Amino acid sequence: MLAPDLRQTLVMVEEAMRDTQGPWWVISSAAVALHGVTPIEVGDVDVVASVADARRVMHGLGIPPIEDGASSLFRSTVFGRWETPPLVVEIMAGFHVATSAGWTEVLPRTRVPVLVEACAVYVPERAELAGMLRLFGRPKDLERVRLLTSLT
């Protein structure tokens, strides 16, 4: 069961992403919740899309791109924070994570629809999401992997 704030945010995300030309995904903690992990804390919703779609959606929502959105672990070609929904939505494209091999692009290959109030929200399939979280490597991500893989 998804928390009401997360449900409302995901419906708003689906509405905002409805006219994209390419695929998009919800990743990280919200994706883990969409795979049925409970309880799990979801502080924001991370959305990955193509550069063109991310720019188009952000423009349509009036979200200015954040130029300094990079951290020592993550960087994106396009990054913006949508603060209108109950939970902040981070929209990103050209998303990379720092690994021992250098910057590695994070772009899911699998796409599983999950219905939230009759809206299709897309997540990577469970094994791919777990691999992505392992790549992030933070303690909270490794705990998400443990919870996600304990469902099988």
N, C-alpha and C. Protein backbone atom coordinates (compact mmCIF):
# COMPACT_ATOMS: atom_id res chain seq x y z
N MET A 1 0.84 -1.19 0.00
CA MET A 1 0.00 0.00 0.00
C MET A 1 0.88 1.25 0.00
N LEU A 2 0.70 2.09 -0.98
CA LEU A 2 1.48 3.31 -1.09
C LEU A 2 0.89 4.39 -0.20
N ALA A 3 1.77 5.19 0.40
CA ALA A 3 1.32 6.32 1.22
C ALA A 3 0.56 7.30 0.34
N PRO A 4 -0.44 8.00 0.88
CA PRO A 4 -1.24 8.93 0.08
C PRO A 4 -0.41 9.99 -0.65
N ASP A 5 0.60 10.58 0.01
CA ASP A 5 1.43 11.59 -0.65
C ASP A 5 2.18 11.00 -1.84
N LEU A 6 2.67 9.76 -1.69
CA LEU A 6 3.38 9.11 -2.79
C LEU A 6 2.41 8.81 -3.93
N ARG A 7 1.23 8.31 -3.61
CA ARG A 7 0.23 8.01 -4.64
C ARG A 7 -0.09 9.26 -5.45
N GLN A 8 -0.38 10.36 -4.75
CA GLN A 8 -0.75 11.60 -5.43
C GLN A 8 0.41 12.11 -6.29
N THR A 9 1.62 12.02 -5.76
CA THR A 9 2.80 12.47 -6.52
C THR A 9 2.98 11.63 -7.77
N LEU A 10 2.83 10.31 -7.66
CA LEU A 10 3.00 9.44 -8.82
C LEU A 10 1.95 9.69 -9.89
N VAL A 11 0.72 9.97 -9.49
CA VAL A 11 -0.32 10.31 -10.47
C VAL A 11 0.07 11.60 -11.19
N MET A 12 0.58 12.58 -10.46
CA MET A 12 1.01 13.84 -11.07
C MET A 12 2.18 13.61 -12.02
N VAL A 13 3.11 12.72 -11.64
CA VAL A 13 4.24 12.38 -12.51
C VAL A 13 3.72 11.77 -13.81
N GLU A 14 2.81 10.82 -13.70
CA GLU A 14 2.29 10.17 -14.91
C GLU A 14 1.62 11.19 -15.82
N GLU A 15 0.85 12.10 -15.24
CA GLU A 15 0.19 13.13 -16.05
C GLU A 15 1.22 14.03 -16.73
N ALA A 16 2.28 14.39 -16.01
CA ALA A 16 3.33 15.25 -16.58
C ALA A 16 4.11 14.54 -17.69
N MET A 17 4.30 13.23 -17.55
CA MET A 17 5.13 12.46 -18.49
C MET A 17 4.33 11.85 -19.62
N ARG A 18 3.03 12.01 -19.60
CA ARG A 18 2.13 11.32 -20.54
C ARG A 18 2.48 11.55 -22.01
N ASP A 19 2.92 12.74 -22.37
CA ASP A 19 3.17 13.06 -23.78
C ASP A 19 4.65 12.96 -24.18
N THR A 20 5.44 12.27 -23.39
CA THR A 20 6.85 12.11 -23.76
C THR A 20 6.95 11.24 -25.01
N GLN A 21 8.02 11.43 -25.74
CA GLN A 21 8.23 10.65 -26.96
C GLN A 21 8.99 9.37 -26.71
N GLY A 22 9.80 9.34 -25.68
CA GLY A 22 10.59 8.15 -25.34
C GLY A 22 10.17 7.58 -24.01
N PRO A 23 10.79 6.49 -23.62
CA PRO A 23 10.46 5.87 -22.33
C PRO A 23 10.95 6.72 -21.15
N TRP A 24 10.32 6.54 -20.03
CA TRP A 24 10.72 7.17 -18.78
C TRP A 24 10.49 6.18 -17.65
N TRP A 25 11.19 6.40 -16.55
CA TRP A 25 11.13 5.48 -15.42
C TRP A 25 11.15 6.24 -14.11
N VAL A 26 10.48 5.69 -13.11
CA VAL A 26 10.68 6.07 -11.72
C VAL A 26 11.73 5.11 -11.19
N ILE A 27 12.75 5.65 -10.51
CA ILE A 27 13.82 4.81 -9.97
C ILE A 27 13.95 5.06 -8.46
N SER A 28 14.89 4.40 -7.85
CA SER A 28 15.28 4.58 -6.46
C SER A 28 14.16 4.15 -5.50
N SER A 29 13.99 4.86 -4.38
CA SER A 29 13.09 4.40 -3.32
C SER A 29 11.64 4.29 -3.78
N ALA A 30 11.17 5.23 -4.62
CA ALA A 30 9.79 5.15 -5.09
C ALA A 30 9.58 3.91 -5.95
N ALA A 31 10.58 3.53 -6.75
CA ALA A 31 10.47 2.32 -7.56
C ALA A 31 10.45 1.08 -6.67
N VAL A 32 11.23 1.09 -5.60
CA VAL A 32 11.22 -0.03 -4.66
C VAL A 32 9.83 -0.16 -4.04
N ALA A 33 9.23 0.97 -3.67
CA ALA A 33 7.87 0.95 -3.12
C ALA A 33 6.88 0.41 -4.15
N LEU A 34 7.05 0.82 -5.41
CA LEU A 34 6.14 0.35 -6.47
C LEU A 34 6.29 -1.15 -6.72
N HIS A 35 7.44 -1.72 -6.36
CA HIS A 35 7.61 -3.17 -6.45
C HIS A 35 7.01 -3.90 -5.25
N GLY A 36 6.42 -3.15 -4.33
CA GLY A 36 5.70 -3.78 -3.23
C GLY A 36 6.44 -3.86 -1.91
N VAL A 37 7.60 -3.24 -1.79
CA VAL A 37 8.33 -3.26 -0.53
C VAL A 37 7.62 -2.35 0.48
N THR A 38 7.31 -2.90 1.64
CA THR A 38 6.73 -2.11 2.74
C THR A 38 7.33 -2.57 4.05
N PRO A 39 7.52 -1.72 5.02
CA PRO A 39 7.48 -0.26 4.84
C PRO A 39 8.79 0.21 4.21
N ILE A 40 8.72 1.30 3.50
CA ILE A 40 9.93 1.93 2.96
C ILE A 40 9.71 3.44 2.97
N GLU A 41 10.74 4.14 3.34
CA GLU A 41 10.66 5.60 3.38
C GLU A 41 10.97 6.16 1.99
N VAL A 42 10.05 6.93 1.46
CA VAL A 42 10.24 7.59 0.17
C VAL A 42 10.20 9.09 0.42
N GLY A 43 11.36 9.74 0.27
CA GLY A 43 11.46 11.17 0.54
C GLY A 43 11.20 12.02 -0.68
N ASP A 44 11.45 11.44 -1.86
CA ASP A 44 11.20 12.14 -3.12
C ASP A 44 11.01 11.10 -4.21
N VAL A 45 10.68 11.56 -5.40
CA VAL A 45 10.46 10.65 -6.52
C VAL A 45 11.46 11.03 -7.61
N ASP A 46 12.29 10.07 -8.01
CA ASP A 46 13.30 10.29 -9.04
C ASP A 46 12.79 9.74 -10.36
N VAL A 47 12.83 10.59 -11.39
CA VAL A 47 12.35 10.20 -12.72
C VAL A 47 13.50 10.37 -13.71
N VAL A 48 13.73 9.34 -14.51
CA VAL A 48 14.76 9.37 -15.55
C VAL A 48 14.06 9.32 -16.91
N ALA A 49 14.51 10.20 -17.81
CA ALA A 49 13.94 10.25 -19.17
C ALA A 49 15.04 10.66 -20.13
N SER A 50 14.70 10.75 -21.41
CA SER A 50 15.66 11.24 -22.39
C SER A 50 15.89 12.73 -22.16
N VAL A 51 16.99 13.24 -22.68
CA VAL A 51 17.30 14.66 -22.55
C VAL A 51 16.18 15.51 -23.15
N ALA A 52 15.73 15.17 -24.36
CA ALA A 52 14.68 15.95 -25.02
C ALA A 52 13.38 15.92 -24.22
N ASP A 53 12.98 14.73 -23.74
CA ASP A 53 11.75 14.63 -22.96
C ASP A 53 11.86 15.36 -21.63
N ALA A 54 12.99 15.22 -20.95
CA ALA A 54 13.17 15.91 -19.66
C ALA A 54 13.08 17.42 -19.85
N ARG A 55 13.74 17.92 -20.88
CA ARG A 55 13.68 19.37 -21.14
C ARG A 55 12.25 19.82 -21.46
N ARG A 56 11.56 19.05 -22.29
CA ARG A 56 10.20 19.39 -22.69
C ARG A 56 9.25 19.39 -21.48
N VAL A 57 9.34 18.35 -20.66
CA VAL A 57 8.47 18.24 -19.49
C VAL A 57 8.78 19.36 -18.50
N MET A 58 10.05 19.60 -18.25
CA MET A 58 10.42 20.66 -17.31
C MET A 58 9.95 22.02 -17.81
N HIS A 59 10.10 22.27 -19.09
CA HIS A 59 9.63 23.54 -19.67
C HIS A 59 8.12 23.68 -19.49
N GLY A 60 7.38 22.60 -19.77
CA GLY A 60 5.93 22.63 -19.65
C GLY A 60 5.46 22.85 -18.22
N LEU A 61 6.25 22.39 -17.26
CA LEU A 61 5.90 22.55 -15.84
C LEU A 61 6.47 23.83 -15.24
N GLY A 62 7.27 24.56 -16.04
CA GLY A 62 7.89 25.78 -15.53
C GLY A 62 9.03 25.53 -14.57
N ILE A 63 9.71 24.40 -14.75
CA ILE A 63 10.83 24.03 -13.87
C ILE A 63 12.13 24.46 -14.53
N PRO A 64 12.88 25.36 -13.90
CA PRO A 64 14.16 25.74 -14.50
C PRO A 64 15.19 24.63 -14.29
N PRO A 65 16.05 24.39 -15.29
CA PRO A 65 17.10 23.41 -15.09
C PRO A 65 18.08 23.91 -14.03
N ILE A 66 18.57 22.97 -13.23
CA ILE A 66 19.56 23.29 -12.20
C ILE A 66 20.92 22.92 -12.77
N GLU A 67 21.76 23.91 -12.91
CA GLU A 67 23.07 23.68 -13.53
C GLU A 67 24.04 22.99 -12.58
N ASP A 68 23.92 23.27 -11.28
CA ASP A 68 24.88 22.68 -10.34
C ASP A 68 24.27 21.50 -9.59
N GLY A 69 23.45 20.71 -10.28
CA GLY A 69 22.81 19.57 -9.66
C GLY A 69 23.74 18.39 -9.42
N ALA A 70 24.97 18.48 -9.90
CA ALA A 70 25.92 17.37 -9.76
C ALA A 70 26.43 17.29 -8.32
N SER A 71 26.72 16.08 -7.91
CA SER A 71 27.36 15.83 -6.62
C SER A 71 28.60 14.99 -6.90
N SER A 72 29.30 14.60 -5.87
CA SER A 72 30.48 13.77 -6.09
C SER A 72 30.10 12.37 -6.54
N LEU A 73 28.84 11.97 -6.33
CA LEU A 73 28.39 10.63 -6.70
C LEU A 73 27.51 10.61 -7.95
N PHE A 74 26.70 11.66 -8.15
CA PHE A 74 25.74 11.68 -9.26
C PHE A 74 25.90 12.95 -10.09
N ARG A 75 25.61 12.84 -11.37
CA ARG A 75 25.51 14.02 -12.23
C ARG A 75 24.52 13.70 -13.35
N SER A 76 23.93 14.76 -13.90
CA SER A 76 22.95 14.62 -14.98
C SER A 76 23.17 15.72 -16.00
N THR A 77 22.90 15.39 -17.26
CA THR A 77 22.95 16.40 -18.32
C THR A 77 21.84 17.42 -18.10
N VAL A 78 20.64 16.92 -17.73
CA VAL A 78 19.49 17.76 -17.42
C VAL A 78 19.00 17.35 -16.04
N PHE A 79 18.74 18.34 -15.18
CA PHE A 79 18.26 18.05 -13.83
C PHE A 79 17.35 19.18 -13.38
N GLY A 80 16.21 18.82 -12.80
CA GLY A 80 15.31 19.82 -12.25
C GLY A 80 14.50 19.24 -11.11
N ARG A 81 14.06 20.12 -10.23
CA ARG A 81 13.25 19.72 -9.07
C ARG A 81 11.85 20.31 -9.20
N TRP A 82 10.85 19.43 -9.27
CA TRP A 82 9.45 19.84 -9.34
C TRP A 82 8.91 19.80 -7.91
N GLU A 83 8.60 20.97 -7.37
CA GLU A 83 8.23 21.06 -5.97
C GLU A 83 6.74 21.24 -5.73
N THR A 84 5.91 21.17 -6.78
CA THR A 84 4.47 21.32 -6.65
C THR A 84 3.80 20.09 -6.02
N PRO A 85 4.17 18.86 -6.41
CA PRO A 85 3.51 17.68 -5.83
C PRO A 85 3.80 17.56 -4.33
N PRO A 86 3.06 16.69 -3.63
CA PRO A 86 3.31 16.50 -2.20
C PRO A 86 4.76 16.09 -1.90
N LEU A 87 5.35 15.24 -2.75
CA LEU A 87 6.77 14.89 -2.62
C LEU A 87 7.52 15.56 -3.77
N VAL A 88 8.73 16.03 -3.50
CA VAL A 88 9.55 16.63 -4.55
C VAL A 88 9.85 15.57 -5.61
N VAL A 89 9.76 15.98 -6.87
CA VAL A 89 10.09 15.09 -7.99
C VAL A 89 11.37 15.61 -8.62
N GLU A 90 12.37 14.76 -8.70
CA GLU A 90 13.62 15.11 -9.37
C GLU A 90 13.59 14.49 -10.76
N ILE A 91 13.63 15.35 -11.77
CA ILE A 91 13.60 14.91 -13.16
C ILE A 91 15.02 14.99 -13.69
N MET A 92 15.50 13.89 -14.27
CA MET A 92 16.88 13.86 -14.74
C MET A 92 17.01 13.13 -16.06
N ALA A 93 18.03 13.53 -16.80
CA ALA A 93 18.36 12.88 -18.07
C ALA A 93 19.87 12.92 -18.22
N GLY A 94 20.41 11.94 -18.92
CA GLY A 94 21.86 11.84 -18.99
C GLY A 94 22.40 11.61 -17.59
N PHE A 95 21.74 10.74 -16.84
CA PHE A 95 22.04 10.49 -15.42
C PHE A 95 23.23 9.54 -15.31
N HIS A 96 24.24 9.92 -14.52
CA HIS A 96 25.45 9.13 -14.33
C HIS A 96 25.76 8.97 -12.84
N VAL A 97 26.39 7.86 -12.51
CA VAL A 97 26.88 7.61 -11.15
C VAL A 97 28.38 7.39 -11.22
N ALA A 98 29.09 7.90 -10.22
CA ALA A 98 30.55 7.71 -10.15
C ALA A 98 30.84 6.30 -9.64
N THR A 99 31.66 5.57 -10.39
CA THR A 99 32.07 4.22 -9.98
C THR A 99 33.60 4.15 -10.05
N SER A 100 34.15 3.04 -9.64
CA SER A 100 35.60 2.87 -9.70
C SER A 100 36.10 2.93 -11.15
N ALA A 101 35.21 2.66 -12.10
CA ALA A 101 35.57 2.71 -13.52
C ALA A 101 35.34 4.09 -14.14
N GLY A 102 34.88 5.05 -13.33
CA GLY A 102 34.58 6.38 -13.83
C GLY A 102 33.08 6.62 -13.84
N TRP A 103 32.65 7.67 -14.54
CA TRP A 103 31.23 7.99 -14.62
C TRP A 103 30.52 6.95 -15.49
N THR A 104 29.46 6.35 -14.95
CA THR A 104 28.70 5.31 -15.62
C THR A 104 27.27 5.77 -15.80
N GLU A 105 26.77 5.73 -17.04
CA GLU A 105 25.40 6.16 -17.29
C GLU A 105 24.41 5.16 -16.69
N VAL A 106 23.36 5.70 -16.10
CA VAL A 106 22.29 4.89 -15.54
C VAL A 106 21.06 5.12 -16.41
N LEU A 107 20.75 4.12 -17.23
CA LEU A 107 19.58 4.19 -18.10
C LEU A 107 18.96 2.80 -18.15
N PRO A 108 17.83 2.62 -17.50
CA PRO A 108 17.23 1.27 -17.47
C PRO A 108 16.96 0.72 -18.86
N ARG A 109 17.00 -0.61 -18.94
CA ARG A 109 16.68 -1.30 -20.20
C ARG A 109 15.30 -1.95 -20.13
N THR A 110 14.88 -2.30 -18.91
CA THR A 110 13.57 -2.92 -18.74
C THR A 110 12.57 -1.86 -18.29
N ARG A 111 11.30 -2.12 -18.56
CA ARG A 111 10.27 -1.12 -18.24
C ARG A 111 8.99 -1.84 -17.87
N VAL A 112 8.64 -1.79 -16.60
CA VAL A 112 7.48 -2.49 -16.08
C VAL A 112 6.42 -1.47 -15.67
N PRO A 113 5.20 -1.55 -16.23
CA PRO A 113 4.15 -0.63 -15.79
C PRO A 113 3.54 -1.08 -14.47
N VAL A 114 3.32 -0.11 -13.59
CA VAL A 114 2.63 -0.36 -12.33
C VAL A 114 1.47 0.62 -12.27
N LEU A 115 0.27 0.11 -12.05
CA LEU A 115 -0.90 0.99 -12.01
C LEU A 115 -1.02 1.67 -10.65
N VAL A 116 -1.15 2.99 -10.70
CA VAL A 116 -1.40 3.79 -9.52
C VAL A 116 -2.64 4.62 -9.85
N GLU A 117 -3.75 4.26 -9.22
CA GLU A 117 -5.02 4.94 -9.51
C GLU A 117 -5.28 5.03 -11.01
N ALA A 118 -5.15 3.91 -11.70
CA ALA A 118 -5.42 3.78 -13.15
C ALA A 118 -4.40 4.50 -14.03
N CYS A 119 -3.31 4.97 -13.44
CA CYS A 119 -2.23 5.61 -14.21
C CYS A 119 -1.05 4.65 -14.26
N ALA A 120 -0.49 4.45 -15.45
CA ALA A 120 0.67 3.57 -15.59
C ALA A 120 1.95 4.35 -15.27
N VAL A 121 2.63 3.90 -14.23
CA VAL A 121 3.92 4.46 -13.83
C VAL A 121 4.96 3.38 -14.11
N TYR A 122 6.08 3.75 -14.70
CA TYR A 122 7.05 2.76 -15.16
C TYR A 122 8.27 2.68 -14.26
N VAL A 123 8.69 1.45 -13.98
CA VAL A 123 9.87 1.19 -13.16
C VAL A 123 10.72 0.14 -13.87
N PRO A 124 12.02 0.09 -13.56
CA PRO A 124 12.82 -1.03 -14.06
C PRO A 124 12.35 -2.32 -13.38
N GLU A 125 12.54 -3.45 -14.05
CA GLU A 125 12.17 -4.71 -13.40
C GLU A 125 13.06 -4.91 -12.17
N ARG A 126 12.61 -5.76 -11.28
CA ARG A 126 13.21 -5.89 -9.94
C ARG A 126 14.71 -6.13 -9.96
N ALA A 127 15.19 -7.09 -10.76
CA ALA A 127 16.64 -7.39 -10.77
C ALA A 127 17.45 -6.21 -11.29
N GLU A 128 16.95 -5.54 -12.32
CA GLU A 128 17.68 -4.39 -12.84
C GLU A 128 17.70 -3.25 -11.83
N LEU A 129 16.59 -3.01 -11.15
CA LEU A 129 16.54 -1.98 -10.11
C LEU A 129 17.52 -2.31 -8.99
N ALA A 130 17.59 -3.57 -8.58
CA ALA A 130 18.53 -3.96 -7.53
C ALA A 130 19.97 -3.71 -7.97
N GLY A 131 20.28 -4.02 -9.22
CA GLY A 131 21.62 -3.77 -9.75
C GLY A 131 21.95 -2.29 -9.76
N MET A 132 20.98 -1.47 -10.12
CA MET A 132 21.15 -0.02 -10.14
C MET A 132 21.45 0.49 -8.72
N LEU A 133 20.68 0.02 -7.76
CA LEU A 133 20.88 0.45 -6.37
C LEU A 133 22.23 -0.01 -5.84
N ARG A 134 22.67 -1.21 -6.23
CA ARG A 134 24.01 -1.67 -5.83
C ARG A 134 25.08 -0.75 -6.40
N LEU A 135 24.87 -0.31 -7.64
CA LEU A 135 25.81 0.60 -8.29
C LEU A 135 25.90 1.92 -7.51
N PHE A 136 24.76 2.41 -7.01
CA PHE A 136 24.77 3.64 -6.22
C PHE A 136 25.60 3.44 -4.95
N GLY A 137 25.45 2.28 -4.32
CA GLY A 137 26.33 1.87 -3.24
C GLY A 137 26.20 2.54 -1.89
N ARG A 138 25.29 3.48 -1.75
CA ARG A 138 25.13 4.13 -0.45
C ARG A 138 24.44 3.16 0.51
N PRO A 139 24.66 3.29 1.81
CA PRO A 139 24.00 2.38 2.76
C PRO A 139 22.49 2.29 2.57
N LYS A 140 21.82 3.42 2.33
CA LYS A 140 20.37 3.37 2.15
C LYS A 140 19.99 2.60 0.88
N ASP A 141 20.82 2.69 -0.16
CA ASP A 141 20.54 1.94 -1.39
C ASP A 141 20.76 0.45 -1.19
N LEU A 142 21.80 0.09 -0.44
CA LEU A 142 22.06 -1.33 -0.17
C LEU A 142 20.96 -1.93 0.69
N GLU A 143 20.39 -1.14 1.61
CA GLU A 143 19.26 -1.61 2.40
C GLU A 143 18.04 -1.80 1.49
N ARG A 144 17.85 -0.93 0.53
CA ARG A 144 16.74 -1.08 -0.44
C ARG A 144 16.91 -2.36 -1.24
N VAL A 145 18.15 -2.67 -1.62
CA VAL A 145 18.42 -3.92 -2.34
C VAL A 145 18.02 -5.11 -1.47
N ARG A 146 18.40 -5.07 -0.21
CA ARG A 146 18.08 -6.17 0.72
C ARG A 146 16.56 -6.36 0.80
N LEU A 147 15.85 -5.25 0.96
CA LEU A 147 14.39 -5.33 1.05
C LEU A 147 13.76 -5.81 -0.25
N LEU A 148 14.27 -5.31 -1.36
CA LEU A 148 13.74 -5.67 -2.67
C LEU A 148 13.97 -7.14 -2.98
N THR A 149 15.16 -7.64 -2.68
CA THR A 149 15.47 -9.03 -3.00
C THR A 149 14.85 -10.00 -1.98
N SER A 150 14.44 -9.51 -0.82
CA SER A 150 13.79 -10.39 0.16
C SER A 150 12.35 -10.70 -0.26
N LEU A 151 11.82 -10.00 -1.25
CA LEU A 151 10.46 -10.26 -1.71
C LEU A 151 10.36 -11.52 -2.55
N THR A 152 11.47 -11.96 -3.11
CA THR A 152 11.41 -13.11 -4.04
C THR A 152 11.18 -14.42 -3.34
